[in-house]
Amino acid sequence: IKFDNKKTNYEHNVALAWKLNKSFTPYVEVGNVAVRNNTDERQTRYRVGLQYHF
């Protein structure tokens, strides 16, 4: 049993990115994901990164 006593699941992600120049794009992301496949436990995930374009 997963979300709301059903067999379905969901994942939410919100991301913010801004282009510094032609090559680099820093970003931050916050997400809400499942901890295990067989429970309704959720966990908040934080990501910070730098994307390189070539």
N, C-alpha and C. Protein backbone atom coordinates (compact mmCIF):
# COMPACT_ATOMS: atom_id res chain seq x y z
N ILE A 1 0.86 -1.18 0.00
CA ILE A 1 0.00 0.00 0.00
C ILE A 1 0.90 1.23 0.00
N LYS A 2 0.60 2.16 -0.89
CA LYS A 2 1.40 3.37 -0.99
C LYS A 2 0.56 4.58 -0.62
N PHE A 3 0.60 5.60 -1.42
CA PHE A 3 -0.09 6.86 -1.14
C PHE A 3 -1.60 6.68 -1.08
N ASP A 4 -2.21 7.20 -0.04
CA ASP A 4 -3.67 7.26 0.11
C ASP A 4 -4.32 5.87 0.03
N ASN A 5 -3.66 4.86 0.61
CA ASN A 5 -4.15 3.47 0.63
C ASN A 5 -4.37 2.89 -0.77
N LYS A 6 -3.62 3.34 -1.73
CA LYS A 6 -3.70 2.84 -3.11
C LYS A 6 -2.33 2.33 -3.53
N LYS A 7 -2.23 1.80 -4.73
CA LYS A 7 -0.96 1.27 -5.22
C LYS A 7 -0.20 2.28 -6.08
N THR A 8 -0.65 3.51 -6.11
CA THR A 8 0.01 4.53 -6.92
C THR A 8 1.02 5.31 -6.08
N ASN A 9 1.89 6.02 -6.75
CA ASN A 9 2.91 6.83 -6.09
C ASN A 9 3.09 8.12 -6.88
N TYR A 10 3.77 9.07 -6.31
CA TYR A 10 3.99 10.35 -6.97
C TYR A 10 5.34 10.90 -6.54
N GLU A 11 5.83 11.87 -7.29
CA GLU A 11 7.08 12.55 -6.97
C GLU A 11 6.95 13.99 -7.41
N HIS A 12 7.30 14.92 -6.53
CA HIS A 12 7.26 16.35 -6.85
C HIS A 12 8.68 16.90 -6.86
N ASN A 13 9.00 17.70 -7.87
CA ASN A 13 10.29 18.38 -7.96
C ASN A 13 10.05 19.81 -8.41
N VAL A 14 10.76 20.73 -7.76
CA VAL A 14 10.74 22.13 -8.16
C VAL A 14 12.19 22.55 -8.34
N ALA A 15 12.51 23.10 -9.51
CA ALA A 15 13.89 23.46 -9.81
C ALA A 15 13.97 24.92 -10.24
N LEU A 16 15.08 25.55 -9.91
CA LEU A 16 15.37 26.92 -10.31
C LEU A 16 16.78 26.93 -10.88
N ALA A 17 16.91 27.43 -12.11
CA ALA A 17 18.21 27.49 -12.77
C ALA A 17 18.37 28.86 -13.41
N TRP A 18 19.59 29.34 -13.47
CA TRP A 18 19.86 30.60 -14.12
C TRP A 18 21.17 30.50 -14.87
N LYS A 19 21.18 31.07 -16.06
CA LYS A 19 22.34 30.96 -16.94
C LYS A 19 23.34 32.07 -16.61
N LEU A 20 24.53 31.67 -16.16
CA LEU A 20 25.57 32.64 -15.84
C LEU A 20 26.21 33.20 -17.10
N ASN A 21 26.57 32.30 -17.99
CA ASN A 21 27.18 32.68 -19.27
C ASN A 21 26.89 31.57 -20.28
N LYS A 22 27.63 31.53 -21.35
CA LYS A 22 27.40 30.56 -22.42
C LYS A 22 27.62 29.11 -21.96
N SER A 23 28.48 28.91 -20.96
CA SER A 23 28.88 27.56 -20.58
C SER A 23 28.29 27.03 -19.28
N PHE A 24 27.99 27.90 -18.31
CA PHE A 24 27.62 27.44 -16.97
C PHE A 24 26.20 27.85 -16.57
N THR A 25 25.48 26.89 -15.98
CA THR A 25 24.14 27.13 -15.45
C THR A 25 24.03 26.49 -14.07
N PRO A 26 24.09 27.30 -12.99
CA PRO A 26 23.87 26.73 -11.66
C PRO A 26 22.38 26.50 -11.42
N TYR A 27 22.06 25.53 -10.56
CA TYR A 27 20.66 25.23 -10.28
C TYR A 27 20.49 24.73 -8.85
N VAL A 28 19.27 24.87 -8.33
CA VAL A 28 18.85 24.29 -7.06
C VAL A 28 17.54 23.56 -7.31
N GLU A 29 17.33 22.47 -6.59
CA GLU A 29 16.11 21.67 -6.76
C GLU A 29 15.67 21.12 -5.41
N VAL A 30 14.37 21.15 -5.17
CA VAL A 30 13.77 20.56 -3.97
C VAL A 30 12.73 19.57 -4.45
N GLY A 31 12.76 18.36 -3.90
CA GLY A 31 11.82 17.32 -4.32
C GLY A 31 11.28 16.55 -3.14
N ASN A 32 10.13 15.92 -3.36
CA ASN A 32 9.50 15.07 -2.35
C ASN A 32 9.35 13.70 -2.98
N VAL A 33 10.07 12.71 -2.45
CA VAL A 33 10.13 11.38 -3.07
C VAL A 33 9.79 10.30 -2.05
N ALA A 34 9.48 9.11 -2.55
CA ALA A 34 9.17 7.97 -1.69
C ALA A 34 10.45 7.40 -1.08
N VAL A 35 10.35 6.93 0.16
CA VAL A 35 11.49 6.31 0.83
C VAL A 35 11.61 4.84 0.45
N ARG A 36 10.48 4.13 0.45
CA ARG A 36 10.45 2.70 0.12
C ARG A 36 9.27 2.42 -0.80
N ASN A 37 9.35 1.29 -1.49
CA ASN A 37 8.28 0.91 -2.41
C ASN A 37 7.03 0.39 -1.70
N ASN A 38 7.18 -0.12 -0.49
CA ASN A 38 6.04 -0.76 0.17
C ASN A 38 5.46 0.04 1.33
N THR A 39 5.86 1.30 1.51
CA THR A 39 5.30 2.14 2.57
C THR A 39 4.92 3.50 1.99
N ASP A 40 4.23 4.30 2.79
CA ASP A 40 3.86 5.64 2.35
C ASP A 40 4.81 6.70 2.90
N GLU A 41 5.99 6.31 3.36
CA GLU A 41 6.97 7.26 3.89
C GLU A 41 7.52 8.14 2.77
N ARG A 42 7.67 9.43 3.07
CA ARG A 42 8.18 10.40 2.10
C ARG A 42 9.45 11.03 2.65
N GLN A 43 10.28 11.58 1.76
CA GLN A 43 11.50 12.25 2.17
C GLN A 43 11.72 13.44 1.25
N THR A 44 12.16 14.55 1.84
CA THR A 44 12.48 15.74 1.05
C THR A 44 13.91 15.62 0.56
N ARG A 45 14.11 15.91 -0.73
CA ARG A 45 15.43 15.82 -1.35
C ARG A 45 15.86 17.21 -1.81
N TYR A 46 17.09 17.59 -1.48
CA TYR A 46 17.65 18.87 -1.90
C TYR A 46 18.82 18.60 -2.83
N ARG A 47 18.86 19.35 -3.93
CA ARG A 47 19.97 19.22 -4.88
C ARG A 47 20.49 20.61 -5.25
N VAL A 48 21.78 20.72 -5.34
CA VAL A 48 22.45 21.94 -5.80
C VAL A 48 23.49 21.49 -6.81
N GLY A 49 23.55 22.16 -7.95
CA GLY A 49 24.51 21.71 -8.96
C GLY A 49 24.91 22.80 -9.92
N LEU A 50 25.84 22.44 -10.77
CA LEU A 50 26.35 23.33 -11.80
C LEU A 50 26.37 22.54 -13.11
N GLN A 51 25.59 22.99 -14.06
CA GLN A 51 25.52 22.31 -15.35
C GLN A 51 26.46 23.01 -16.32
N TYR A 52 27.22 22.21 -17.06
CA TYR A 52 28.17 22.74 -18.04
C TYR A 52 27.67 22.42 -19.44
N HIS A 53 27.64 23.43 -20.30
CA HIS A 53 27.21 23.26 -21.70
C HIS A 53 28.43 23.39 -22.61
N PHE A 54 28.58 22.43 -23.52
CA PHE A 54 29.69 22.53 -24.46
C PHE A 54 29.24 22.25 -25.87
